[in-house]
PDB file of N, CA and C in Angstrom:
ATOM      1  N   MET A   1       0.800  -1.185   0.000  1.00  0.00           N
ATOM      2  CA  MET A   1       0.000   0.000   0.000  1.00  0.00           C
ATOM      3  C   MET A   1       0.847   1.255   0.000  1.00  0.00           C
ATOM      4  N   ALA A   2       2.074   1.141   0.418  1.00  0.00           N
ATOM      5  CA  ALA A   2       2.953   2.298   0.436  1.00  0.00           C
ATOM      6  C   ALA A   2       3.206   2.798  -0.970  1.00  0.00           C
ATOM      7  N   VAL A   3       3.235   1.870  -1.915  1.00  0.00           N
ATOM      8  CA  VAL A   3       3.462   2.245  -3.301  1.00  0.00           C
ATOM      9  C   VAL A   3       2.273   3.044  -3.819  1.00  0.00           C
ATOM     10  N   ALA A   4       1.073   2.619  -3.507  1.00  0.00           N
ATOM     11  CA  ALA A   4      -0.125   3.317  -3.969  1.00  0.00           C
ATOM     12  C   ALA A   4      -0.199   4.703  -3.369  1.00  0.00           C
ATOM     13  N   GLN A   5       0.170   4.844  -2.106  1.00  0.00           N
ATOM     14  CA  GLN A   5       0.117   6.147  -1.454  1.00  0.00           C
ATOM     15  C   GLN A   5       1.173   7.074  -2.039  1.00  0.00           C
ATOM     16  N   GLY A   6       2.349   6.559  -2.368  1.00  0.00           N
ATOM     17  CA  GLY A   6       3.412   7.363  -2.964  1.00  0.00           C
ATOM     18  C   GLY A   6       3.021   7.847  -4.352  1.00  0.00           C
ATOM     19  N   SER A   7       2.353   7.025  -5.129  1.00  0.00           N
ATOM     20  CA  SER A   7       1.947   7.444  -6.475  1.00  0.00           C
ATOM     21  C   SER A   7       0.831   8.460  -6.405  1.00  0.00           C
ATOM     22  N   THR A   8       0.002   8.398  -5.375  1.00  0.00           N
ATOM     23  CA  THR A   8      -1.070   9.374  -5.215  1.00  0.00           C
ATOM     24  C   THR A   8      -0.491  10.751  -4.916  1.00  0.00           C
ATOM     25  N   SER A   9       0.520  10.810  -4.047  1.00  0.00           N
ATOM     26  CA  SER A   9       1.127  12.100  -3.735  1.00  0.00           C
ATOM     27  C   SER A   9       1.890  12.650  -4.943  1.00  0.00           C
ATOM     28  N   THR A  10       2.487  11.746  -5.759  1.00  0.00           N
ATOM     29  CA  THR A  10       3.188  12.177  -6.958  1.00  0.00           C
ATOM     30  C   THR A  10       2.205  12.747  -7.974  1.00  0.00           C
ATOM     31  N   SER A  11       1.060  12.082  -8.157  1.00  0.00           N
ATOM     32  CA  SER A  11       0.069  12.581  -9.112  1.00  0.00           C
ATOM     33  C   SER A  11      -0.550  13.880  -8.608  1.00  0.00           C
ATOM     34  N   ALA A  12      -0.661  14.044  -7.298  1.00  0.00           N
ATOM     35  CA  ALA A  12      -1.175  15.300  -6.744  1.00  0.00           C
ATOM     36  C   ALA A  12      -0.173  16.420  -6.993  1.00  0.00           C
ATOM     37  N   ALA A  13       1.122  16.100  -6.897  1.00  0.00           N
ATOM     38  CA  ALA A  13       2.152  17.107  -7.167  1.00  0.00           C
ATOM     39  C   ALA A  13       2.150  17.480  -8.648  1.00  0.00           C
ATOM     40  N   ILE A  14       1.972  16.498  -9.508  1.00  0.00           N
ATOM     41  CA  ILE A  14       1.912  16.773 -10.945  1.00  0.00           C
ATOM     42  C   ILE A  14       0.675  17.604 -11.262  1.00  0.00           C
ATOM     43  N   THR A  15      -0.427  17.297 -10.646  1.00  0.00           N
ATOM     44  CA  THR A  15      -1.647  18.046 -10.875  1.00  0.00           C
ATOM     45  C   THR A  15      -1.494  19.491 -10.410  1.00  0.00           C
ATOM     46  N   ALA A  16      -0.858  19.693  -9.270  1.00  0.00           N
ATOM     47  CA  ALA A  16      -0.622  21.058  -8.782  1.00  0.00           C
ATOM     48  C   ALA A  16       0.302  21.805  -9.738  1.00  0.00           C
ATOM     49  N   GLN A  17       1.321  21.142 -10.257  1.00  0.00           N
ATOM     50  CA  GLN A  17       2.241  21.771 -11.220  1.00  0.00           C
ATOM     51  C   GLN A  17       1.500  22.100 -12.515  1.00  0.00           C
ATOM     52  N   GLN A  18       0.653  21.161 -12.966  1.00  0.00           N
ATOM     53  CA  GLN A  18      -0.118  21.409 -14.180  1.00  0.00           C
ATOM     54  C   GLN A  18      -1.079  22.579 -13.994  1.00  0.00           C
ATOM     55  N   ALA A  19      -1.682  22.664 -12.812  1.00  0.00           N
ATOM     56  CA  ALA A  19      -2.596  23.780 -12.524  1.00  0.00           C
ATOM     57  C   ALA A  19      -1.833  25.101 -12.533  1.00  0.00           C
ATOM     58  N   ALA A  20      -0.649  25.114 -11.982  1.00  0.00           N
ATOM     59  CA  ALA A  20       0.164  26.328 -11.978  1.00  0.00           C
ATOM     60  C   ALA A  20       0.571  26.704 -13.401  1.00  0.00           C
ATOM     61  N   ASP A  21       0.924  25.688 -14.193  1.00  0.00           N
ATOM     62  CA  ASP A  21       1.269  25.941 -15.596  1.00  0.00           C
ATOM     63  C   ASP A  21       0.069  26.484 -16.365  1.00  0.00           C
ATOM     64  N   MET A  22      -1.115  25.951 -16.089  1.00  0.00           N
ATOM     65  CA  MET A  22      -2.323  26.418 -16.777  1.00  0.00           C
ATOM     66  C   MET A  22      -2.625  27.867 -16.414  1.00  0.00           C
ATOM     67  N   VAL A  23      -2.434  28.224 -15.164  1.00  0.00           N
ATOM     68  CA  VAL A  23      -2.666  29.610 -14.742  1.00  0.00           C
ATOM     69  C   VAL A  23      -1.675  30.523 -15.449  1.00  0.00           C
ATOM     70  N   THR A  24      -0.426  30.116 -15.511  1.00  0.00           N
ATOM     71  CA  THR A  24       0.594  30.899 -16.199  1.00  0.00           C
ATOM     72  C   THR A  24       0.268  30.992 -17.688  1.00  0.00           C
ATOM     73  N   PHE A  25      -0.128  29.871 -18.269  1.00  0.00           N
ATOM     74  CA  PHE A  25      -0.476  29.845 -19.690  1.00  0.00           C
ATOM     75  C   PHE A  25      -1.659  30.763 -19.973  1.00  0.00           C
ATOM     76  N   GLU A  26      -2.709  30.663 -19.187  1.00  0.00           N
ATOM     77  CA  GLU A  26      -3.907  31.484 -19.391  1.00  0.00           C
ATOM     78  C   GLU A  26      -3.586  32.969 -19.228  1.00  0.00           C
ATOM     79  N   GLY A  27      -2.759  33.297 -18.252  1.00  0.00           N
ATOM     80  CA  GLY A  27      -2.369  34.695 -18.055  1.00  0.00           C
ATOM     81  C   GLY A  27      -1.568  35.227 -19.240  1.00  0.00           C
ATOM     82  N   GLU A  28      -0.618  34.430 -19.710  1.00  0.00           N
ATOM     83  CA  GLU A  28       0.197  34.828 -20.865  1.00  0.00           C
ATOM     84  C   GLU A  28      -0.668  34.925 -22.118  1.00  0.00           C
ATOM     85  N   ARG A  29      -1.582  33.974 -22.270  1.00  0.00           N
ATOM     86  CA  ARG A  29      -2.486  33.993 -23.420  1.00  0.00           C
ATOM     87  C   ARG A  29      -3.357  35.251 -23.401  1.00  0.00           C
ATOM     88  N   ALA A  30      -3.905  35.596 -22.265  1.00  0.00           N
ATOM     89  CA  ALA A  30      -4.740  36.790 -22.147  1.00  0.00           C
ATOM     90  C   ALA A  30      -3.933  38.044 -22.463  1.00  0.00           C
ATOM     91  N   ARG A  31      -2.683  38.093 -22.000  1.00  0.00           N
ATOM     92  CA  ARG A  31      -1.824  39.246 -22.272  1.00  0.00           C
ATOM     93  C   ARG A  31      -1.539  39.360 -23.762  1.00  0.00           C
ATOM     94  N   LEU A  32      -1.233  38.237 -24.405  1.00  0.00           N
ATOM     95  CA  LEU A  32      -0.940  38.248 -25.835  1.00  0.00           C
ATOM     96  C   LEU A  32      -2.174  38.603 -26.673  1.00  0.00           C
ATOM     97  N   VAL A  33      -3.328  38.079 -26.299  1.00  0.00           N
ATOM     98  CA  VAL A  33      -4.557  38.402 -27.027  1.00  0.00           C
ATOM     99  C   VAL A  33      -4.861  39.891 -26.901  1.00  0.00           C
ATOM    100  N   SER A  34      -4.678  40.435 -25.727  1.00  0.00           N
ATOM    101  CA  SER A  34      -4.881  41.868 -25.520  1.00  0.00           C
ATOM    102  C   SER A  34      -3.915  42.688 -26.371  1.00  0.00           C
ATOM    103  N   HIS A  35      -2.658  42.283 -26.403  1.00  0.00           N
ATOM    104  CA  HIS A  35      -1.642  42.976 -27.209  1.00  0.00           C
ATOM    105  C   HIS A  35      -1.987  42.897 -28.699  1.00  0.00           C
ATOM    106  N   ILE A  36      -2.435  41.739 -29.146  1.00  0.00           N
ATOM    107  CA  ILE A  36      -2.822  41.568 -30.552  1.00  0.00           C
ATOM    108  C   ILE A  36      -4.005  42.462 -30.889  1.00  0.00           C
ATOM    109  N   ASN A  37      -4.983  42.550 -30.000  1.00  0.00           N
ATOM    110  CA  ASN A  37      -6.139  43.421 -30.236  1.00  0.00           C
ATOM    111  C   ASN A  37      -5.721  44.875 -30.381  1.00  0.00           C
ATOM    112  N   ILE A  38      -4.815  45.326 -29.532  1.00  0.00           N
ATOM    113  CA  ILE A  38      -4.328  46.710 -29.602  1.00  0.00           C
ATOM    114  C   ILE A  38      -3.605  46.948 -30.919  1.00  0.00           C
ATOM    115  N   GLU A  39      -2.733  46.027 -31.292  1.00  0.00           N
ATOM    116  CA  GLU A  39      -1.965  46.175 -32.529  1.00  0.00           C
ATOM    117  C   GLU A  39      -2.873  46.149 -33.752  1.00  0.00           C
ATOM    118  N   LEU A  40      -3.872  45.276 -33.773  1.00  0.00           N
ATOM    119  CA  LEU A  40      -4.802  45.220 -34.903  1.00  0.00           C
ATOM    120  C   LEU A  40      -5.626  46.502 -35.001  1.00  0.00           C
ATOM    121  N   SER A  41      -5.984  47.074 -33.873  1.00  0.00           N
ATOM    122  CA  SER A  41      -6.699  48.354 -33.889  1.00  0.00           C
ATOM    123  C   SER A  41      -5.838  49.442 -34.514  1.00  0.00           C
ATOM    124  N   GLN A  42      -4.556  49.448 -34.195  1.00  0.00           N
ATOM    125  CA  GLN A  42      -3.645  50.426 -34.785  1.00  0.00           C
ATOM    126  C   GLN A  42      -3.485  50.185 -36.286  1.00  0.00           C
ATOM    127  N   VAL A  43      -3.414  48.922 -36.700  1.00  0.00           N
ATOM    128  CA  VAL A  43      -3.299  48.602 -38.127  1.00  0.00           C
ATOM    129  C   VAL A  43      -4.542  49.086 -38.873  1.00  0.00           C
ATOM    130  N   ILE A  44      -5.715  48.830 -38.333  1.00  0.00           N
ATOM    131  CA  ILE A  44      -6.959  49.262 -38.971  1.00  0.00           C
ATOM    132  C   ILE A  44      -7.003  50.779 -39.063  1.00  0.00           C
ATOM    133  N   SER A  45      -6.590  51.457 -38.014  1.00  0.00           N
ATOM    134  CA  SER A  45      -6.557  52.918 -38.032  1.00  0.00           C
ATOM    135  C   SER A  45      -5.610  53.432 -39.106  1.00  0.00           C
ATOM    136  N   ASN A  46      -4.429  52.844 -39.205  1.00  0.00           N
ATOM    137  CA  ASN A  46      -3.455  53.276 -40.215  1.00  0.00           C
ATOM    138  C   ASN A  46      -3.930  52.967 -41.632  1.00  0.00           C
ATOM    139  N   VAL A  47      -4.625  51.850 -41.830  1.00  0.00           N
ATOM    140  CA  VAL A  47      -5.165  51.523 -43.149  1.00  0.00           C
ATOM    141  C   VAL A  47      -6.247  52.529 -43.530  1.00  0.00           C
ATOM    142  N   ASN A  48      -7.058  52.943 -42.576  1.00  0.00           N
ATOM    143  CA  ASN A  48      -8.079  53.954 -42.856  1.00  0.00           C
ATOM    144  C   ASN A  48      -7.438  55.286 -43.235  1.00  0.00           C
ATOM    145  N   ILE A  49      -6.378  55.666 -42.549  1.00  0.00           N
ATOM    146  CA  ILE A  49      -5.659  56.895 -42.894  1.00  0.00           C
ATOM    147  C   ILE A  49      -5.070  56.788 -44.296  1.00  0.00           C
ATOM    148  N   LEU A  50      -4.462  55.653 -44.605  1.00  0.00           N
ATOM    149  CA  LEU A  50      -3.905  55.424 -45.944  1.00  0.00           C
ATOM    150  C   LEU A  50      -4.997  55.516 -47.006  1.00  0.00           C
ATOM    151  N   ASN A  51      -6.144  54.944 -46.733  1.00  0.00           N
ATOM    152  CA  ASN A  51      -7.259  54.982 -47.670  1.00  0.00           C
ATOM    153  C   ASN A  51      -7.696  56.424 -47.937  1.00  0.00           C
ATOM    154  N   ARG A  52      -7.805  57.233 -46.891  1.00  0.00           N
ATOM    155  CA  ARG A  52      -8.175  58.646 -47.072  1.00  0.00           C
ATOM    156  C   ARG A  52      -7.136  59.377 -47.905  1.00  0.00           C
ATOM    157  N   HIS A  53      -5.864  59.113 -47.667  1.00  0.00           N
ATOM    158  CA  HIS A  53      -4.802  59.765 -48.439  1.00  0.00           C
ATOM    159  C   HIS A  53      -4.843  59.340 -49.903  1.00  0.00           C
ATOM    160  N   LEU A  54      -5.083  58.060 -50.150  1.00  0.00           N
ATOM    161  CA  LEU A  54      -5.180  57.586 -51.533  1.00  0.00           C
ATOM    162  C   LEU A  54      -6.373  58.213 -52.247  1.00  0.00           C
ATOM    163  N   GLU A  55      -7.491  58.342 -51.554  1.00  0.00           N
ATOM    164  CA  GLU A  55      -8.659  58.993 -52.149  1.00  0.00           C
ATOM    165  C   GLU A  55      -8.352  60.447 -52.492  1.00  0.00           C
ATOM    166  N   THR A  56      -7.610  61.138 -51.631  1.00  0.00           N
ATOM    167  CA  THR A  56      -7.222  62.519 -51.894  1.00  0.00           C
ATOM    168  C   THR A  56      -6.317  62.598 -53.107  1.00  0.00           C
ATOM    169  N   ILE A  57      -5.362  61.703 -53.201  1.00  0.00           N
ATOM    170  CA  ILE A  57      -4.435  61.691 -54.337  1.00  0.00           C
ATOM    171  C   ILE A  57      -5.186  61.414 -55.637  1.00  0.00           C
ATOM    172  N   ILE A  58      -6.122  60.487 -55.603  1.00  0.00           N
ATOM    173  CA  ILE A  58      -6.908  60.173 -56.799  1.00  0.00           C
ATOM    174  C   ILE A  58      -7.736  61.380 -57.219  1.00  0.00           C
ATOM    175  N   THR A  59      -8.318  62.068 -56.256  1.00  0.00           N
ATOM    176  CA  THR A  59      -9.113  63.259 -56.562  1.00  0.00           C
ATOM    177  C   THR A  59      -8.248  64.335 -57.190  1.00  0.00           C
ATOM    178  N   ILE A  60      -7.077  64.564 -56.647  1.00  0.00           N
ATOM    179  CA  ILE A  60      -6.162  65.557 -57.216  1.00  0.00           C
ATOM    180  C   ILE A  60      -5.745  65.145 -58.616  1.00  0.00           C
ATOM    181  N   GLY A  61      -5.464  63.873 -58.823  1.00  0.00           N
ATOM    182  CA  GLY A  61      -5.083  63.383 -60.142  1.00  0.00           C
ATOM    183  C   GLY A  61      -6.189  63.565 -61.163  1.00  0.00           C
ATOM    184  N   GLN A  62      -7.425  63.381 -60.736  1.00  0.00           N
ATOM    185  CA  GLN A  62      -8.553  63.546 -61.647  1.00  0.00           C
ATOM    186  C   GLN A  62      -8.731  64.999 -62.067  1.00  0.00           C
ATOM    187  N   GLU A  63      -8.292  65.928 -61.243  1.00  0.00           N
ATOM    188  CA  GLU A  63      -8.377  67.344 -61.591  1.00  0.00           C
ATOM    189  C   GLU A  63      -7.455  67.690 -62.757  1.00  0.00           C
ATOM    190  N   PHE A  64      -6.444  66.885 -63.008  1.00  0.00           N
ATOM    191  CA  PHE A  64      -5.519  67.141 -64.104  1.00  0.00           C
ATOM    192  C   PHE A  64      -5.958  66.491 -65.415  1.00  0.00           C
ATOM    193  N   ASP A  65      -7.050  65.736 -65.419  1.00  0.00           N
ATOM    194  CA  ASP A  65      -7.519  65.079 -66.644  1.00  0.00           C
ATOM    195  C   ASP A  65      -7.832  66.094 -67.738  1.00  0.00           C
ATOM    196  N   HIS A  66      -8.541  67.162 -67.384  1.00  0.00           N
ATOM    197  CA  HIS A  66      -8.901  68.170 -68.377  1.00  0.00           C
ATOM    198  C   HIS A  66      -7.651  68.842 -68.931  1.00  0.00           C
ATOM    199  N   LEU A  67      -6.736  69.208 -68.064  1.00  0.00           N
ATOM    200  CA  LEU A  67      -5.494  69.850 -68.501  1.00  0.00           C
ATOM    201  C   LEU A  67      -4.677  68.906 -69.384  1.00  0.00           C
ATOM    202  N   SER A  68      -4.636  67.656 -69.029  1.00  0.00           N
ATOM    203  CA  SER A  68      -3.903  66.668 -69.820  1.00  0.00           C
ATOM    204  C   SER A  68      -4.510  66.515 -71.205  1.00  0.00           C
ATOM    205  N   SER A  69      -5.820  66.431 -71.281  1.00  0.00           N
ATOM    206  CA  SER A  69      -6.457  66.299 -72.595  1.00  0.00           C
ATOM    207  C   SER A  69      -6.263  67.559 -73.423  1.00  0.00           C
ATOM    208  N   LEU A  70      -6.257  68.736 -72.806  1.00  0.00           N
ATOM    209  CA  LEU A  70      -6.010  69.984 -73.519  1.00  0.00           C
ATOM    210  C   LEU A  70      -4.616  69.997 -74.132  1.00  0.00           C
ATOM    211  N   TRP A  71      -3.610  69.631 -73.339  1.00  0.00           N
ATOM    212  CA  TRP A  71      -2.240  69.596 -73.856  1.00  0.00           C
ATOM    213  C   TRP A  71      -2.073  68.514 -74.924  1.00  0.00           C
ATOM    214  N   SER A  72      -2.746  67.391 -74.758  1.00  0.00           N
ATOM    215  CA  SER A  72      -2.680  66.325 -75.749  1.00  0.00           C
ATOM    216  C   SER A  72      -3.279  66.801 -77.071  1.00  0.00           C
ATOM    217  N   HIS A  73      -4.397  67.504 -76.994  1.00  0.00           N
ATOM    218  CA  HIS A  73      -5.022  68.054 -78.198  1.00  0.00           C
ATOM    219  C   HIS A  73      -4.109  69.083 -78.846  1.00  0.00           C
ATOM    220  N   PHE A  74      -3.516  69.958 -78.041  1.00  0.00           N
ATOM    221  CA  PHE A  74      -2.600  70.972 -78.548  1.00  0.00           C
ATOM    222  C   PHE A  74      -1.402  70.322 -79.229  1.00  0.00           C
ATOM    223  N   ASN A  75      -0.849  69.294 -78.628  1.00  0.00           N
ATOM    224  CA  ASN A  75       0.329  68.611 -79.166  1.00  0.00           C
ATOM    225  C   ASN A  75       0.011  67.918 -80.483  1.00  0.00           C
ATOM    226  N   SER A  76      -1.163  67.346 -80.599  1.00  0.00           N
ATOM    227  CA  SER A  76      -1.515  66.638 -81.829  1.00  0.00           C
ATOM    228  C   SER A  76      -1.790  67.599 -82.987  1.00  0.00           C
ATOM    229  N   LYS A  77      -2.184  68.837 -82.708  1.00  0.00           N
ATOM    230  CA  LYS A  77      -2.480  69.820 -83.752  1.00  0.00           C
ATOM    231  C   LYS A  77      -1.262  70.628 -84.173  1.00  0.00           C
ATOM    232  N   GLU A  78      -0.245  70.698 -83.344  1.00  0.00           N
ATOM    233  CA  GLU A  78       0.943  71.507 -83.648  1.00  0.00           C
ATOM    234  C   GLU A  78       1.798  70.788 -84.685  1.00  0.00           C
ATOM    235  N   PRO A  79       2.213  71.495 -85.741  1.00  0.00           N
ATOM    236  CA  PRO A  79       3.070  70.833 -86.743  1.00  0.00           C
ATOM    237  C   PRO A  79       4.451  70.542 -86.169  1.00  0.00           C
ATOM    238  N   ILE A  80       5.010  69.433 -86.597  1.00  0.00           N
ATOM    239  CA  ILE A  80       6.336  69.027 -86.122  1.00  0.00           C
ATOM    240  C   ILE A  80       7.373  69.646 -87.046  1.00  0.00           C
ATOM    241  N   GLU A  81       8.313  70.374 -86.444  1.00  0.00           N
ATOM    242  CA  GLU A  81       9.373  71.007 -87.221  1.00  0.00           C
ATOM    243  C   GLU A  81      10.514  70.027 -87.416  1.00  0.00           C
ATOM    244  N   ASP A  82      11.094  70.046 -88.620  1.00  0.00           N
ATOM    245  CA  ASP A  82      12.229  69.191 -88.931  1.00  0.00           C
ATOM    246  C   ASP A  82      13.493  69.975 -88.628  1.00  0.00           C
ATOM    247  N   ASP A  83      14.487  69.346 -88.024  1.00  0.00           N
ATOM    248  CA  ASP A  83      15.737  70.032 -87.679  1.00  0.00           C
ATOM    249  C   ASP A  83      16.458  70.526 -88.927  1.00  0.00           C
ATOM    250  N   ASN A  84      16.322  69.842 -90.039  1.00  0.00           N
ATOM    251  CA  ASN A  84      16.991  70.240 -91.262  1.00  0.00           C
ATOM    252  C   ASN A  84      16.392  71.529 -91.827  1.00  0.00           C
ATOM    253  N   ASP A  85      15.136  71.800 -91.583  1.00  0.00           N
ATOM    254  CA  ASP A  85      14.488  73.002 -92.100  1.00  0.00           C
ATOM    255  C   ASP A  85      14.933  74.255 -91.353  1.00  0.00           C
ATOM    256  N   SER A  86      15.392  74.107 -90.109  1.00  0.00           N
ATOM    257  CA  SER A  86      15.753  75.274 -89.332  1.00  0.00           C
ATOM    258  C   SER A  86      17.150  75.805 -89.700  1.00  0.00           C
ATOM    259  N   VAL A  87      17.956  75.025 -90.402  1.00  0.00           N
ATOM    260  CA  VAL A  87      19.304  75.470 -90.790  1.00  0.00           C
ATOM    261  C   VAL A  87      19.216  76.144 -92.174  1.00  0.00           C
ATOM    262  N   PRO A  88      19.687  77.400 -92.293  1.00  0.00           N
ATOM    263  CA  PRO A  88      19.612  78.074 -93.600  1.00  0.00           C
ATOM    264  C   PRO A  88      20.563  77.421 -94.611  1.00  0.00           C
ATOM    265  N   ASP A  89      20.158  77.441 -95.876  1.00  0.00           N
ATOM    266  CA  ASP A  89      21.001  76.890 -96.940  1.00  0.00           C
ATOM    267  C   ASP A  89      22.114  77.866 -97.249  1.00  0.00           C
ATOM    268  N   GLN A  90      23.265  77.335 -97.602  1.00  0.00           N
ATOM    269  CA  GLN A  90      24.393  78.197 -97.932  1.00  0.00           C
ATOM    270  C   GLN A  90      24.808  78.050 -99.354  1.00  0.00           C
TER     271      GLN A  90
END
């Protein structure tokens, strides 16, 4: 019976160690989950800021469409000068 009693105290010690490990694990897990939530909130905030900036850039770029088409039209109508024509004959 001494053997059975010794194994019972050993399993109780293992159970106490496992319980302590579980408490440590749960605490660390809760800390990491909290940290991940904070970091993801910051990522979402930064993505929203990036999105607003991209929308602003696109809007500014669209304002140049009319000017670009005007210059393109002007360029297509202007005659192209030949370099040989600009030199006087001797």
